[in-house]
């Protein structure tokens, strides 16, 4: 653990599911960063915990592999969490609309056992009618 001044406490995300809000979303464009990530296209979503105010980044990268499916799921889930339709594969993303739609909305993320944000989760549909009892 690194040095912390008196009265300052480190806050991080434990493995599990966390309620967060989106703080920032951007496209990673630097060629050296994309190369280091092994990605052709990459995005960085920064979230803030509703419980601790700690921040965590979710890297969403596409590199023409089978893992692109999961990266695409995270993009889809961010749009859906904002009340927007899923983006159409192969078309440009309207990131501004997504960020505006997610402004102030609570979403859940899953953090893995290494402390990295793994995925965006969608809430289950609320039960209605007889299912609610």
C-alpha atoms as a PDB file:
ATOM      1  CA  UNK A   1       0.000   0.000   0.000  1.00  0.00           C
ATOM      2  CA  UNK A   2       1.295   3.477  -0.793  1.00  0.00           C
ATOM      3  CA  UNK A   3       1.550   6.403   1.614  1.00  0.00           C
ATOM      4  CA  UNK A   4      -1.589   8.321   2.570  1.00  0.00           C
ATOM      5  CA  UNK A   5      -1.555  11.524   4.672  1.00  0.00           C
ATOM      6  CA  UNK A   6      -3.228  11.460   8.114  1.00  0.00           C
ATOM      7  CA  UNK A   7      -7.012  11.589   7.863  1.00  0.00           C
ATOM      8  CA  UNK A   8      -7.057  10.371   4.232  1.00  0.00           C
ATOM      9  CA  UNK A   9      -8.435   6.895   3.571  1.00  0.00           C
ATOM     10  CA  UNK A  10      -8.126   4.884   0.402  1.00  0.00           C
ATOM     11  CA  UNK A  11     -11.422   3.799  -1.079  1.00  0.00           C
ATOM     12  CA  UNK A  12     -11.678   1.158  -3.763  1.00  0.00           C
ATOM     13  CA  UNK A  13     -14.203  -1.223  -5.213  1.00  0.00           C
ATOM     14  CA  UNK A  14     -14.456  -4.699  -3.719  1.00  0.00           C
ATOM     15  CA  UNK A  15     -15.418  -7.575  -6.018  1.00  0.00           C
ATOM     16  CA  UNK A  16     -19.156  -7.710  -6.645  1.00  0.00           C
ATOM     17  CA  UNK A  17     -21.956  -5.535  -7.943  1.00  0.00           C
ATOM     18  CA  UNK A  18     -21.937  -1.796  -7.252  1.00  0.00           C
ATOM     19  CA  UNK A  19     -24.473   0.995  -7.778  1.00  0.00           C
ATOM     20  CA  UNK A  20     -22.793   3.828  -9.681  1.00  0.00           C
ATOM     21  CA  UNK A  21     -23.411   6.843 -11.898  1.00  0.00           C
ATOM     22  CA  UNK A  22     -21.573   7.674 -15.097  1.00  0.00           C
ATOM     23  CA  UNK A  23     -19.102  10.531 -14.608  1.00  0.00           C
ATOM     24  CA  UNK A  24     -17.387  10.586 -17.986  1.00  0.00           C
ATOM     25  CA  UNK A  25     -17.343   8.656 -21.249  1.00  0.00           C
ATOM     26  CA  UNK A  26     -14.847   9.071 -24.027  1.00  0.00           C
ATOM     27  CA  UNK A  27     -13.205   7.522 -27.034  1.00  0.00           C
ATOM     28  CA  UNK A  28      -9.562   6.525 -26.709  1.00  0.00           C
ATOM     29  CA  UNK A  29      -7.849   7.892 -29.811  1.00  0.00           C
ATOM     30  CA  UNK A  30      -4.103   7.861 -29.085  1.00  0.00           C
ATOM     31  CA  UNK A  31      -2.446   5.267 -31.297  1.00  0.00           C
ATOM     32  CA  UNK A  32       0.087   4.243 -28.628  1.00  0.00           C
ATOM     33  CA  UNK A  33      -2.681   3.736 -26.046  1.00  0.00           C
ATOM     34  CA  UNK A  34      -4.747   1.662 -28.485  1.00  0.00           C
ATOM     35  CA  UNK A  35      -1.653  -0.388 -29.286  1.00  0.00           C
ATOM     36  CA  UNK A  36      -0.900  -0.947 -25.599  1.00  0.00           C
ATOM     37  CA  UNK A  37      -4.500  -2.079 -25.063  1.00  0.00           C
ATOM     38  CA  UNK A  38      -4.351  -4.307 -28.148  1.00  0.00           C
ATOM     39  CA  UNK A  39      -7.452  -2.567 -29.483  1.00  0.00           C
ATOM     40  CA  UNK A  40      -8.595  -1.135 -32.792  1.00  0.00           C
ATOM     41  CA  UNK A  41     -11.365   0.928 -31.115  1.00  0.00           C
ATOM     42  CA  UNK A  42     -11.651   1.636 -27.388  1.00  0.00           C
ATOM     43  CA  UNK A  43     -13.827   3.628 -25.000  1.00  0.00           C
ATOM     44  CA  UNK A  44     -13.357   4.570 -21.363  1.00  0.00           C
ATOM     45  CA  UNK A  45     -16.342   4.951 -19.048  1.00  0.00           C
ATOM     46  CA  UNK A  46     -15.669   6.442 -15.617  1.00  0.00           C
ATOM     47  CA  UNK A  47     -18.195   5.657 -12.892  1.00  0.00           C
ATOM     48  CA  UNK A  48     -18.616   6.988  -9.347  1.00  0.00           C
ATOM     49  CA  UNK A  49     -19.886   4.820  -6.500  1.00  0.00           C
ATOM     50  CA  UNK A  50     -23.131   5.962  -4.898  1.00  0.00           C
ATOM     51  CA  UNK A  51     -21.909   4.528  -1.573  1.00  0.00           C
ATOM     52  CA  UNK A  52     -18.296   5.711  -1.304  1.00  0.00           C
ATOM     53  CA  UNK A  53     -17.820   8.287  -4.104  1.00  0.00           C
ATOM     54  CA  UNK A  54     -14.826   6.224  -5.294  1.00  0.00           C
ATOM     55  CA  UNK A  55     -14.324   6.225  -9.060  1.00  0.00           C
ATOM     56  CA  UNK A  56     -13.584   3.292 -11.340  1.00  0.00           C
ATOM     57  CA  UNK A  57     -12.944   3.038 -15.068  1.00  0.00           C
ATOM     58  CA  UNK A  58     -14.433   0.500 -17.443  1.00  0.00           C
ATOM     59  CA  UNK A  59     -12.385   0.000 -20.604  1.00  0.00           C
ATOM     60  CA  UNK A  60     -14.463  -1.185 -23.528  1.00  0.00           C
ATOM     61  CA  UNK A  61     -12.231  -2.355 -26.350  1.00  0.00           C
ATOM     62  CA  UNK A  62     -12.783  -3.908 -29.739  1.00  0.00           C
ATOM     63  CA  UNK A  63      -9.947  -5.874 -31.332  1.00  0.00           C
ATOM     64  CA  UNK A  64     -11.647  -8.134 -33.894  1.00  0.00           C
ATOM     65  CA  UNK A  65     -11.772 -11.109 -31.518  1.00  0.00           C
ATOM     66  CA  UNK A  66     -14.534 -13.138 -29.885  1.00  0.00           C
ATOM     67  CA  UNK A  67     -14.340 -10.763 -26.888  1.00  0.00           C
ATOM     68  CA  UNK A  68     -15.860  -8.019 -29.078  1.00  0.00           C
ATOM     69  CA  UNK A  69     -19.254  -9.568 -28.298  1.00  0.00           C
ATOM     70  CA  UNK A  70     -18.867  -8.628 -24.618  1.00  0.00           C
ATOM     71  CA  UNK A  71     -17.574  -5.159 -25.432  1.00  0.00           C
ATOM     72  CA  UNK A  72     -20.634  -4.667 -27.629  1.00  0.00           C
ATOM     73  CA  UNK A  73     -22.887  -5.857 -24.798  1.00  0.00           C
ATOM     74  CA  UNK A  74     -21.481  -3.144 -22.530  1.00  0.00           C
ATOM     75  CA  UNK A  75     -22.180  -0.479 -25.163  1.00  0.00           C
ATOM     76  CA  UNK A  76     -25.713  -1.850 -25.682  1.00  0.00           C
ATOM     77  CA  UNK A  77     -26.362  -1.896 -21.929  1.00  0.00           C
ATOM     78  CA  UNK A  78     -25.206   1.713 -21.483  1.00  0.00           C
ATOM     79  CA  UNK A  79     -27.628   2.846 -24.196  1.00  0.00           C
ATOM     80  CA  UNK A  80     -30.468   0.753 -22.734  1.00  0.00           C
ATOM     81  CA  UNK A  81     -29.773   2.001 -19.189  1.00  0.00           C
ATOM     82  CA  UNK A  82     -30.193   5.535 -20.533  1.00  0.00           C
ATOM     83  CA  UNK A  83     -33.574   4.620 -22.043  1.00  0.00           C
ATOM     84  CA  UNK A  84     -32.215   4.656 -25.598  1.00  0.00           C
ATOM     85  CA  UNK A  85     -32.506   1.887 -28.193  1.00  0.00           C
ATOM     86  CA  UNK A  86     -29.576  -0.445 -28.750  1.00  0.00           C
ATOM     87  CA  UNK A  87     -27.163   0.964 -31.318  1.00  0.00           C
ATOM     88  CA  UNK A  88     -27.206  -0.632 -34.757  1.00  0.00           C
ATOM     89  CA  UNK A  89     -24.110  -2.750 -35.460  1.00  0.00           C
ATOM     90  CA  UNK A  90     -21.724  -1.054 -37.882  1.00  0.00           C
ATOM     91  CA  UNK A  91     -23.185   2.435 -37.469  1.00  0.00           C
ATOM     92  CA  UNK A  92     -21.568   5.358 -35.668  1.00  0.00           C
ATOM     93  CA  UNK A  93     -22.522   5.740 -31.995  1.00  0.00           C
ATOM     94  CA  UNK A  94     -24.299   8.847 -30.739  1.00  0.00           C
ATOM     95  CA  UNK A  95     -22.160   9.084 -27.611  1.00  0.00           C
ATOM     96  CA  UNK A  96     -23.435  12.562 -26.735  1.00  0.00           C
ATOM     97  CA  UNK A  97     -27.033  11.310 -26.580  1.00  0.00           C
ATOM     98  CA  UNK A  98     -25.961   8.327 -24.463  1.00  0.00           C
ATOM     99  CA  UNK A  99     -24.036  10.450 -21.961  1.00  0.00           C
ATOM    100  CA  UNK A 100     -26.931  12.928 -21.702  1.00  0.00           C
ATOM    101  CA  UNK A 101     -29.433  10.078 -21.206  1.00  0.00           C
ATOM    102  CA  UNK A 102     -27.303   8.558 -18.435  1.00  0.00           C
ATOM    103  CA  UNK A 103     -26.770  11.877 -16.632  1.00  0.00           C
ATOM    104  CA  UNK A 104     -27.714  11.262 -13.003  1.00  0.00           C
ATOM    105  CA  UNK A 105     -29.076   7.756 -13.631  1.00  0.00           C
ATOM    106  CA  UNK A 106     -28.073   4.883 -11.421  1.00  0.00           C
ATOM    107  CA  UNK A 107     -26.549   1.840 -13.116  1.00  0.00           C
ATOM    108  CA  UNK A 108     -24.868  -1.258 -11.754  1.00  0.00           C
ATOM    109  CA  UNK A 109     -21.419  -2.513 -12.639  1.00  0.00           C
ATOM    110  CA  UNK A 110     -19.729  -5.774 -11.830  1.00  0.00           C
ATOM    111  CA  UNK A 111     -16.202  -5.613 -10.412  1.00  0.00           C
ATOM    112  CA  UNK A 112     -14.021  -8.717 -10.728  1.00  0.00           C
ATOM    113  CA  UNK A 113     -11.758 -10.241  -8.084  1.00  0.00           C
ATOM    114  CA  UNK A 114      -8.814  -8.135  -9.305  1.00  0.00           C
ATOM    115  CA  UNK A 115     -10.721  -4.896  -8.685  1.00  0.00           C
ATOM    116  CA  UNK A 116     -11.438  -4.088 -12.342  1.00  0.00           C
ATOM    117  CA  UNK A 117     -14.832  -3.084 -13.694  1.00  0.00           C
ATOM    118  CA  UNK A 118     -15.960  -6.017 -15.817  1.00  0.00           C
ATOM    119  CA  UNK A 119     -19.378  -5.147 -17.141  1.00  0.00           C
ATOM    120  CA  UNK A 120     -22.454  -2.952 -17.003  1.00  0.00           C
ATOM    121  CA  UNK A 121     -25.540  -4.721 -15.664  1.00  0.00           C
ATOM    122  CA  UNK A 122     -29.165  -3.987 -16.450  1.00  0.00           C
ATOM    123  CA  UNK A 123     -31.800  -4.133 -13.690  1.00  0.00           C
ATOM    124  CA  UNK A 124     -34.322  -6.923 -13.803  1.00  0.00           C
ATOM    125  CA  UNK A 125     -37.814  -5.941 -14.868  1.00  0.00           C
ATOM    126  CA  UNK A 126     -39.957  -5.132 -11.852  1.00  0.00           C
ATOM    127  CA  UNK A 127     -42.644  -7.746 -11.225  1.00  0.00           C
ATOM    128  CA  UNK A 128     -46.170  -6.713 -12.116  1.00  0.00           C
ATOM    129  CA  UNK A 129     -49.652  -8.064 -11.400  1.00  0.00           C
ATOM    130  CA  UNK A 130     -49.776 -11.381  -9.561  1.00  0.00           C
ATOM    131  CA  UNK A 131     -45.972 -11.744  -9.793  1.00  0.00           C
ATOM    132  CA  UNK A 132     -45.590  -8.831  -7.359  1.00  0.00           C
ATOM    133  CA  UNK A 133     -47.206 -10.865  -4.540  1.00  0.00           C
END
